[in-house]
């Protein structure tokens, strides 16, 4: 939080940053946590028969989700918070949100270990039951955190952060992310109106790339959840 950054002053009348990307990332995280909680519960209750192949697919998906959540909040701590403080003023206190991030990391490590155990056990029901509880706890914690963040931080970004500085935050978010995983999940979290607006601003090359990534991700979803969105 003590990182010093130089920001581009926001001028009166300048457009506000587009927060759709971070909003979609939040939606995708919470949607996946809910779906995985329900799936783990179904495996525990024998409503879903988990083959070794499906256990591997579930484990990999959960590990990638944990990596995605960790990358997201790391970018917030190291890039977004300093930009906000430089744009608004050092009197802004984001320490509670940073503390939330620190508390998330042990939960993510625990879930990675549980996913590995689930894979090695080839879909053990007892491990699935524990995993369902841990996923539900993480989902509740992250839901509260995201609600706080969007209520407290989004207005600050919209009012004080320049478009240029926000683009630097989004570049940092893309760097180190797993595009083949995060991209299709964000697209799936869009409303029809948001998807229509995006189509008007995306070139043919990127549309083709996103379509290919979506096809790959749908196969991944079928392997994990049995269906794709």
C-alpha atoms as a PDB file:
ATOM      1  CA  UNK A   1       0.000   0.000   0.000  1.00  0.00           C
ATOM      2  CA  UNK A   2       2.976   2.335   0.322  1.00  0.00           C
ATOM      3  CA  UNK A   3       3.834   2.109  -3.384  1.00  0.00           C
ATOM      4  CA  UNK A   4       4.198   5.559  -4.968  1.00  0.00           C
ATOM      5  CA  UNK A   5       2.898   5.948  -8.509  1.00  0.00           C
ATOM      6  CA  UNK A   6       2.532   8.839 -10.911  1.00  0.00           C
ATOM      7  CA  UNK A   7      -0.944   9.236 -12.336  1.00  0.00           C
ATOM      8  CA  UNK A   8      -2.428  11.295 -15.152  1.00  0.00           C
ATOM      9  CA  UNK A   9      -4.657  14.000 -13.624  1.00  0.00           C
ATOM     10  CA  UNK A  10      -8.339  13.556 -14.344  1.00  0.00           C
ATOM     11  CA  UNK A  11      -9.672  16.679 -16.033  1.00  0.00           C
ATOM     12  CA  UNK A  12     -13.172  18.026 -15.660  1.00  0.00           C
ATOM     13  CA  UNK A  13     -15.362  16.621 -18.401  1.00  0.00           C
ATOM     14  CA  UNK A  14     -13.084  13.638 -19.088  1.00  0.00           C
ATOM     15  CA  UNK A  15     -14.917  10.335 -19.634  1.00  0.00           C
ATOM     16  CA  UNK A  16     -15.097   7.902 -16.738  1.00  0.00           C
ATOM     17  CA  UNK A  17     -13.302   4.542 -16.927  1.00  0.00           C
ATOM     18  CA  UNK A  18     -15.302   1.579 -18.183  1.00  0.00           C
ATOM     19  CA  UNK A  19     -15.616  -0.813 -15.228  1.00  0.00           C
ATOM     20  CA  UNK A  20     -17.248  -3.652 -17.155  1.00  0.00           C
ATOM     21  CA  UNK A  21     -14.090  -5.795 -17.156  1.00  0.00           C
ATOM     22  CA  UNK A  22     -13.640  -5.838 -13.385  1.00  0.00           C
ATOM     23  CA  UNK A  23     -17.386  -6.248 -12.900  1.00  0.00           C
ATOM     24  CA  UNK A  24     -17.405  -9.327 -15.147  1.00  0.00           C
ATOM     25  CA  UNK A  25     -14.382 -10.767 -13.322  1.00  0.00           C
ATOM     26  CA  UNK A  26     -16.289 -10.465 -10.050  1.00  0.00           C
ATOM     27  CA  UNK A  27     -19.415 -12.058 -11.530  1.00  0.00           C
ATOM     28  CA  UNK A  28     -17.427 -14.943 -13.012  1.00  0.00           C
ATOM     29  CA  UNK A  29     -15.684 -15.704  -9.710  1.00  0.00           C
ATOM     30  CA  UNK A  30     -18.925 -15.850  -7.728  1.00  0.00           C
ATOM     31  CA  UNK A  31     -20.759 -17.824 -10.426  1.00  0.00           C
ATOM     32  CA  UNK A  32     -18.029 -20.460 -10.560  1.00  0.00           C
ATOM     33  CA  UNK A  33     -17.825 -20.759  -6.765  1.00  0.00           C
ATOM     34  CA  UNK A  34     -21.583 -21.373  -6.640  1.00  0.00           C
ATOM     35  CA  UNK A  35     -21.458 -23.940  -9.449  1.00  0.00           C
ATOM     36  CA  UNK A  36     -18.507 -25.798  -7.915  1.00  0.00           C
ATOM     37  CA  UNK A  37     -20.149 -25.817  -4.480  1.00  0.00           C
ATOM     38  CA  UNK A  38     -23.271 -27.378  -5.981  1.00  0.00           C
ATOM     39  CA  UNK A  39     -21.199 -29.900  -7.951  1.00  0.00           C
ATOM     40  CA  UNK A  40     -19.099 -30.960  -4.956  1.00  0.00           C
ATOM     41  CA  UNK A  41     -22.286 -31.363  -2.917  1.00  0.00           C
ATOM     42  CA  UNK A  42     -23.809 -33.505  -5.662  1.00  0.00           C
ATOM     43  CA  UNK A  43     -20.704 -35.724  -5.743  1.00  0.00           C
ATOM     44  CA  UNK A  44     -20.852 -36.081  -1.960  1.00  0.00           C
ATOM     45  CA  UNK A  45     -24.535 -37.067  -2.124  1.00  0.00           C
ATOM     46  CA  UNK A  46     -24.003 -39.424  -5.099  1.00  0.00           C
ATOM     47  CA  UNK A  47     -26.273 -37.329  -7.282  1.00  0.00           C
ATOM     48  CA  UNK A  48     -23.298 -37.098  -9.646  1.00  0.00           C
ATOM     49  CA  UNK A  49     -21.100 -40.102 -10.365  1.00  0.00           C
ATOM     50  CA  UNK A  50     -17.547 -38.841 -10.560  1.00  0.00           C
ATOM     51  CA  UNK A  51     -15.230 -40.803 -12.852  1.00  0.00           C
ATOM     52  CA  UNK A  52     -11.442 -40.427 -12.516  1.00  0.00           C
ATOM     53  CA  UNK A  53     -11.445 -38.288 -15.670  1.00  0.00           C
ATOM     54  CA  UNK A  54     -14.095 -35.984 -14.266  1.00  0.00           C
ATOM     55  CA  UNK A  55     -12.243 -35.777 -10.948  1.00  0.00           C
ATOM     56  CA  UNK A  56      -9.156 -34.588 -12.835  1.00  0.00           C
ATOM     57  CA  UNK A  57     -11.208 -32.023 -14.763  1.00  0.00           C
ATOM     58  CA  UNK A  58     -12.851 -30.692 -11.579  1.00  0.00           C
ATOM     59  CA  UNK A  59      -9.515 -30.472  -9.812  1.00  0.00           C
ATOM     60  CA  UNK A  60      -7.860 -28.577 -12.665  1.00  0.00           C
ATOM     61  CA  UNK A  61     -10.789 -26.158 -12.963  1.00  0.00           C
ATOM     62  CA  UNK A  62     -10.738 -25.419  -9.239  1.00  0.00           C
ATOM     63  CA  UNK A  63      -6.986 -24.892  -9.222  1.00  0.00           C
ATOM     64  CA  UNK A  64      -7.247 -22.482 -12.152  1.00  0.00           C
ATOM     65  CA  UNK A  65     -10.081 -20.622 -10.434  1.00  0.00           C
ATOM     66  CA  UNK A  66      -7.962 -20.221  -7.289  1.00  0.00           C
ATOM     67  CA  UNK A  67      -5.090 -18.906  -9.431  1.00  0.00           C
ATOM     68  CA  UNK A  68      -7.453 -16.460 -11.146  1.00  0.00           C
ATOM     69  CA  UNK A  69      -8.827 -15.112  -7.855  1.00  0.00           C
ATOM     70  CA  UNK A  70      -5.319 -14.732  -6.439  1.00  0.00           C
ATOM     71  CA  UNK A  71      -4.086 -12.896  -9.552  1.00  0.00           C
ATOM     72  CA  UNK A  72      -7.105 -10.585  -9.458  1.00  0.00           C
ATOM     73  CA  UNK A  73      -6.632  -9.430  -5.889  1.00  0.00           C
ATOM     74  CA  UNK A  74      -2.842  -9.209  -6.264  1.00  0.00           C
ATOM     75  CA  UNK A  75      -3.308  -6.723  -9.114  1.00  0.00           C
ATOM     76  CA  UNK A  76      -5.711  -4.758  -6.946  1.00  0.00           C
ATOM     77  CA  UNK A  77      -3.214  -4.605  -4.063  1.00  0.00           C
ATOM     78  CA  UNK A  78      -0.136  -3.781  -6.129  1.00  0.00           C
ATOM     79  CA  UNK A  79      -1.548  -1.713  -9.000  1.00  0.00           C
ATOM     80  CA  UNK A  80      -5.127  -0.521  -8.465  1.00  0.00           C
ATOM     81  CA  UNK A  81      -4.916   0.617  -4.838  1.00  0.00           C
ATOM     82  CA  UNK A  82      -1.801   2.778  -5.475  1.00  0.00           C
ATOM     83  CA  UNK A  83      -3.500   4.318  -8.524  1.00  0.00           C
ATOM     84  CA  UNK A  84      -6.585   5.149  -6.464  1.00  0.00           C
ATOM     85  CA  UNK A  85      -4.567   6.642  -3.634  1.00  0.00           C
ATOM     86  CA  UNK A  86      -2.474   8.720  -6.034  1.00  0.00           C
ATOM     87  CA  UNK A  87      -5.618   9.924  -7.809  1.00  0.00           C
ATOM     88  CA  UNK A  88      -7.787  10.582  -4.743  1.00  0.00           C
ATOM     89  CA  UNK A  89      -5.279  11.236  -1.977  1.00  0.00           C
ATOM     90  CA  UNK A  90      -3.405   9.237   0.639  1.00  0.00           C
ATOM     91  CA  UNK A  91      -6.223   9.818   3.138  1.00  0.00           C
ATOM     92  CA  UNK A  92      -8.189   7.056   1.397  1.00  0.00           C
ATOM     93  CA  UNK A  93      -7.922   3.929   3.551  1.00  0.00           C
ATOM     94  CA  UNK A  94      -8.109   0.653   1.651  1.00  0.00           C
ATOM     95  CA  UNK A  95      -6.478  -1.433   4.369  1.00  0.00           C
ATOM     96  CA  UNK A  96      -9.639  -3.420   5.195  1.00  0.00           C
ATOM     97  CA  UNK A  97      -9.909  -4.582   1.594  1.00  0.00           C
ATOM     98  CA  UNK A  98      -6.215  -5.501   1.591  1.00  0.00           C
ATOM     99  CA  UNK A  99      -6.723  -7.445   4.825  1.00  0.00           C
ATOM    100  CA  UNK A 100      -9.577  -9.321   3.143  1.00  0.00           C
ATOM    101  CA  UNK A 101      -7.209 -10.286   0.332  1.00  0.00           C
ATOM    102  CA  UNK A 102      -4.615 -11.541   2.813  1.00  0.00           C
ATOM    103  CA  UNK A 103      -7.276 -13.650   4.514  1.00  0.00           C
ATOM    104  CA  UNK A 104      -8.306 -15.129   1.160  1.00  0.00           C
ATOM    105  CA  UNK A 105      -4.888 -16.587   0.351  1.00  0.00           C
ATOM    106  CA  UNK A 106      -4.908 -19.360   3.012  1.00  0.00           C
ATOM    107  CA  UNK A 107      -8.411 -20.355   1.841  1.00  0.00           C
ATOM    108  CA  UNK A 108      -7.180 -20.547  -1.758  1.00  0.00           C
ATOM    109  CA  UNK A 109      -4.150 -22.630  -0.739  1.00  0.00           C
ATOM    110  CA  UNK A 110      -6.432 -24.955   1.216  1.00  0.00           C
ATOM    111  CA  UNK A 111      -8.720 -25.396  -1.780  1.00  0.00           C
ATOM    112  CA  UNK A 112      -5.781 -26.122  -4.089  1.00  0.00           C
ATOM    113  CA  UNK A 113      -4.650 -28.845  -1.693  1.00  0.00           C
ATOM    114  CA  UNK A 114      -8.205 -30.215  -1.491  1.00  0.00           C
ATOM    115  CA  UNK A 115      -8.452 -30.237  -5.292  1.00  0.00           C
ATOM    116  CA  UNK A 116      -5.204 -32.194  -5.522  1.00  0.00           C
ATOM    117  CA  UNK A 117      -6.451 -34.711  -2.949  1.00  0.00           C
ATOM    118  CA  UNK A 118      -9.736 -35.047  -4.844  1.00  0.00           C
ATOM    119  CA  UNK A 119      -7.849 -35.764  -8.066  1.00  0.00           C
ATOM    120  CA  UNK A 120      -5.540 -38.340  -6.426  1.00  0.00           C
ATOM    121  CA  UNK A 121      -8.478 -40.066  -4.750  1.00  0.00           C
ATOM    122  CA  UNK A 122     -10.261 -40.181  -8.148  1.00  0.00           C
ATOM    123  CA  UNK A 123     -13.346 -38.413  -6.811  1.00  0.00           C
ATOM    124  CA  UNK A 124     -13.668 -39.472  -3.162  1.00  0.00           C
ATOM    125  CA  UNK A 125     -17.092 -38.485  -1.761  1.00  0.00           C
ATOM    126  CA  UNK A 126     -15.800 -37.497   1.671  1.00  0.00           C
ATOM    127  CA  UNK A 127     -13.222 -35.170   0.157  1.00  0.00           C
ATOM    128  CA  UNK A 128     -15.956 -33.751  -2.079  1.00  0.00           C
ATOM    129  CA  UNK A 129     -18.039 -33.021   1.029  1.00  0.00           C
ATOM    130  CA  UNK A 130     -15.230 -31.115   2.723  1.00  0.00           C
ATOM    131  CA  UNK A 131     -14.520 -29.308  -0.537  1.00  0.00           C
ATOM    132  CA  UNK A 132     -18.186 -28.257  -0.768  1.00  0.00           C
ATOM    133  CA  UNK A 133     -18.013 -26.694   2.705  1.00  0.00           C
ATOM    134  CA  UNK A 134     -14.786 -24.853   1.917  1.00  0.00           C
ATOM    135  CA  UNK A 135     -16.164 -23.591  -1.390  1.00  0.00           C
ATOM    136  CA  UNK A 136     -19.343 -22.341   0.308  1.00  0.00           C
ATOM    137  CA  UNK A 137     -17.296 -20.515   2.949  1.00  0.00           C
ATOM    138  CA  UNK A 138     -15.077 -18.908   0.318  1.00  0.00           C
ATOM    139  CA  UNK A 139     -18.119 -17.922  -1.723  1.00  0.00           C
ATOM    140  CA  UNK A 140     -19.739 -16.208   1.262  1.00  0.00           C
ATOM    141  CA  UNK A 141     -16.531 -14.394   2.181  1.00  0.00           C
ATOM    142  CA  UNK A 142     -15.806 -13.282  -1.377  1.00  0.00           C
ATOM    143  CA  UNK A 143     -19.403 -12.152  -1.943  1.00  0.00           C
ATOM    144  CA  UNK A 144     -19.195  -9.845   1.068  1.00  0.00           C
ATOM    145  CA  UNK A 145     -15.779  -8.564  -0.016  1.00  0.00           C
ATOM    146  CA  UNK A 146     -16.878  -7.862  -3.589  1.00  0.00           C
ATOM    147  CA  UNK A 147     -20.010  -6.052  -2.392  1.00  0.00           C
ATOM    148  CA  UNK A 148     -17.864  -3.834  -0.157  1.00  0.00           C
ATOM    149  CA  UNK A 149     -15.351  -3.240  -2.931  1.00  0.00           C
ATOM    150  CA  UNK A 150     -17.929  -2.259  -5.511  1.00  0.00           C
ATOM    151  CA  UNK A 151     -19.697   0.060  -3.068  1.00  0.00           C
ATOM    152  CA  UNK A 152     -16.521   1.741  -1.796  1.00  0.00           C
ATOM    153  CA  UNK A 153     -14.005   1.575  -4.635  1.00  0.00           C
ATOM    154  CA  UNK A 154     -16.014   1.770  -7.853  1.00  0.00           C
ATOM    155  CA  UNK A 155     -17.299   5.311  -7.132  1.00  0.00           C
ATOM    156  CA  UNK A 156     -13.720   6.457  -6.425  1.00  0.00           C
ATOM    157  CA  UNK A 157     -12.509   5.035  -9.732  1.00  0.00           C
ATOM    158  CA  UNK A 158     -15.427   6.538 -11.655  1.00  0.00           C
ATOM    159  CA  UNK A 159     -14.901   9.997 -10.165  1.00  0.00           C
ATOM    160  CA  UNK A 160     -11.122  10.313  -9.820  1.00  0.00           C
ATOM    161  CA  UNK A 161      -9.167   7.815 -11.964  1.00  0.00           C
ATOM    162  CA  UNK A 162      -8.299   8.784 -15.554  1.00  0.00           C
ATOM    163  CA  UNK A 163      -9.058   6.486 -18.476  1.00  0.00           C
ATOM    164  CA  UNK A 164      -5.315   6.201 -19.190  1.00  0.00           C
ATOM    165  CA  UNK A 165      -4.536   5.091 -15.648  1.00  0.00           C
ATOM    166  CA  UNK A 166      -7.443   2.655 -15.662  1.00  0.00           C
ATOM    167  CA  UNK A 167      -6.122   1.141 -18.888  1.00  0.00           C
ATOM    168  CA  UNK A 168      -2.782   0.547 -17.138  1.00  0.00           C
ATOM    169  CA  UNK A 169      -4.635  -1.328 -14.390  1.00  0.00           C
ATOM    170  CA  UNK A 170      -6.440  -3.457 -16.965  1.00  0.00           C
ATOM    171  CA  UNK A 171      -3.138  -4.238 -18.738  1.00  0.00           C
ATOM    172  CA  UNK A 172      -1.708  -5.437 -15.433  1.00  0.00           C
ATOM    173  CA  UNK A 173      -4.797  -7.594 -14.951  1.00  0.00           C
ATOM    174  CA  UNK A 174      -4.304  -9.197 -18.379  1.00  0.00           C
ATOM    175  CA  UNK A 175      -0.590  -9.790 -17.768  1.00  0.00           C
ATOM    176  CA  UNK A 176      -0.144 -13.061 -15.936  1.00  0.00           C
ATOM    177  CA  UNK A 177      -3.757 -14.122 -16.372  1.00  0.00           C
ATOM    178  CA  UNK A 178      -4.808 -17.329 -18.137  1.00  0.00           C
ATOM    179  CA  UNK A 179      -6.664 -15.813 -21.089  1.00  0.00           C
ATOM    180  CA  UNK A 180      -8.026 -19.154 -22.286  1.00  0.00           C
ATOM    181  CA  UNK A 181      -9.729 -19.557 -18.902  1.00  0.00           C
ATOM    182  CA  UNK A 182     -10.574 -16.017 -17.790  1.00  0.00           C
ATOM    183  CA  UNK A 183     -11.686 -14.675 -21.174  1.00  0.00           C
ATOM    184  CA  UNK A 184     -14.535 -17.135 -21.862  1.00  0.00           C
ATOM    185  CA  UNK A 185     -15.690 -16.989 -18.236  1.00  0.00           C
ATOM    186  CA  UNK A 186     -16.037 -13.211 -18.436  1.00  0.00           C
ATOM    187  CA  UNK A 187     -17.931 -13.492 -21.731  1.00  0.00           C
ATOM    188  CA  UNK A 188     -20.294 -16.034 -20.163  1.00  0.00           C
ATOM    189  CA  UNK A 189     -20.996 -13.600 -17.311  1.00  0.00           C
ATOM    190  CA  UNK A 190     -22.224 -10.900 -19.704  1.00  0.00           C
ATOM    191  CA  UNK A 191     -25.822  -9.887 -20.127  1.00  0.00           C
ATOM    192  CA  UNK A 192     -27.249  -9.897 -23.659  1.00  0.00           C
ATOM    193  CA  UNK A 193     -27.055  -6.091 -23.726  1.00  0.00           C
ATOM    194  CA  UNK A 194     -23.396  -6.103 -22.650  1.00  0.00           C
ATOM    195  CA  UNK A 195     -22.568  -8.745 -25.252  1.00  0.00           C
ATOM    196  CA  UNK A 196     -24.254  -6.705 -27.977  1.00  0.00           C
ATOM    197  CA  UNK A 197     -22.318  -3.580 -26.980  1.00  0.00           C
ATOM    198  CA  UNK A 198     -19.036  -5.490 -26.953  1.00  0.00           C
ATOM    199  CA  UNK A 199     -19.667  -6.844 -30.450  1.00  0.00           C
ATOM    200  CA  UNK A 200     -19.864  -3.270 -31.747  1.00  0.00           C
ATOM    201  CA  UNK A 201     -16.407  -2.406 -30.406  1.00  0.00           C
ATOM    202  CA  UNK A 202     -14.413  -5.585 -31.096  1.00  0.00           C
ATOM    203  CA  UNK A 203     -12.633  -6.245 -34.361  1.00  0.00           C
ATOM    204  CA  UNK A 204     -13.100  -9.390 -36.445  1.00  0.00           C
ATOM    205  CA  UNK A 205      -9.737 -10.842 -35.399  1.00  0.00           C
ATOM    206  CA  UNK A 206     -10.515 -10.655 -31.681  1.00  0.00           C
ATOM    207  CA  UNK A 207     -14.039 -11.980 -32.257  1.00  0.00           C
ATOM    208  CA  UNK A 208     -12.587 -15.059 -33.979  1.00  0.00           C
ATOM    209  CA  UNK A 209     -10.082 -15.596 -31.159  1.00  0.00           C
ATOM    210  CA  UNK A 210     -12.788 -15.285 -28.508  1.00  0.00           C
ATOM    211  CA  UNK A 211     -15.013 -17.721 -30.407  1.00  0.00           C
ATOM    212  CA  UNK A 212     -12.215 -20.310 -30.470  1.00  0.00           C
ATOM    213  CA  UNK A 213     -11.525 -19.806 -26.763  1.00  0.00           C
ATOM    214  CA  UNK A 214     -15.232 -20.174 -26.019  1.00  0.00           C
ATOM    215  CA  UNK A 215     -15.376 -23.494 -27.879  1.00  0.00           C
ATOM    216  CA  UNK A 216     -12.420 -24.809 -25.883  1.00  0.00           C
ATOM    217  CA  UNK A 217     -13.932 -23.575 -22.643  1.00  0.00           C
ATOM    218  CA  UNK A 218     -17.312 -25.170 -23.382  1.00  0.00           C
ATOM    219  CA  UNK A 219     -15.572 -28.554 -23.713  1.00  0.00           C
ATOM    220  CA  UNK A 220     -13.834 -27.853 -20.386  1.00  0.00           C
ATOM    221  CA  UNK A 221     -17.163 -26.987 -18.765  1.00  0.00           C
ATOM    222  CA  UNK A 222     -18.818 -30.155 -20.072  1.00  0.00           C
ATOM    223  CA  UNK A 223     -15.977 -32.230 -18.611  1.00  0.00           C
ATOM    224  CA  UNK A 224     -16.459 -30.547 -15.218  1.00  0.00           C
ATOM    225  CA  UNK A 225     -20.161 -29.732 -14.919  1.00  0.00           C
ATOM    226  CA  UNK A 226     -21.668 -32.076 -17.508  1.00  0.00           C
ATOM    227  CA  UNK A 227     -23.143 -29.097 -19.375  1.00  0.00           C
ATOM    228  CA  UNK A 228     -21.845 -25.766 -20.655  1.00  0.00           C
ATOM    229  CA  UNK A 229     -23.449 -22.360 -20.375  1.00  0.00           C
END
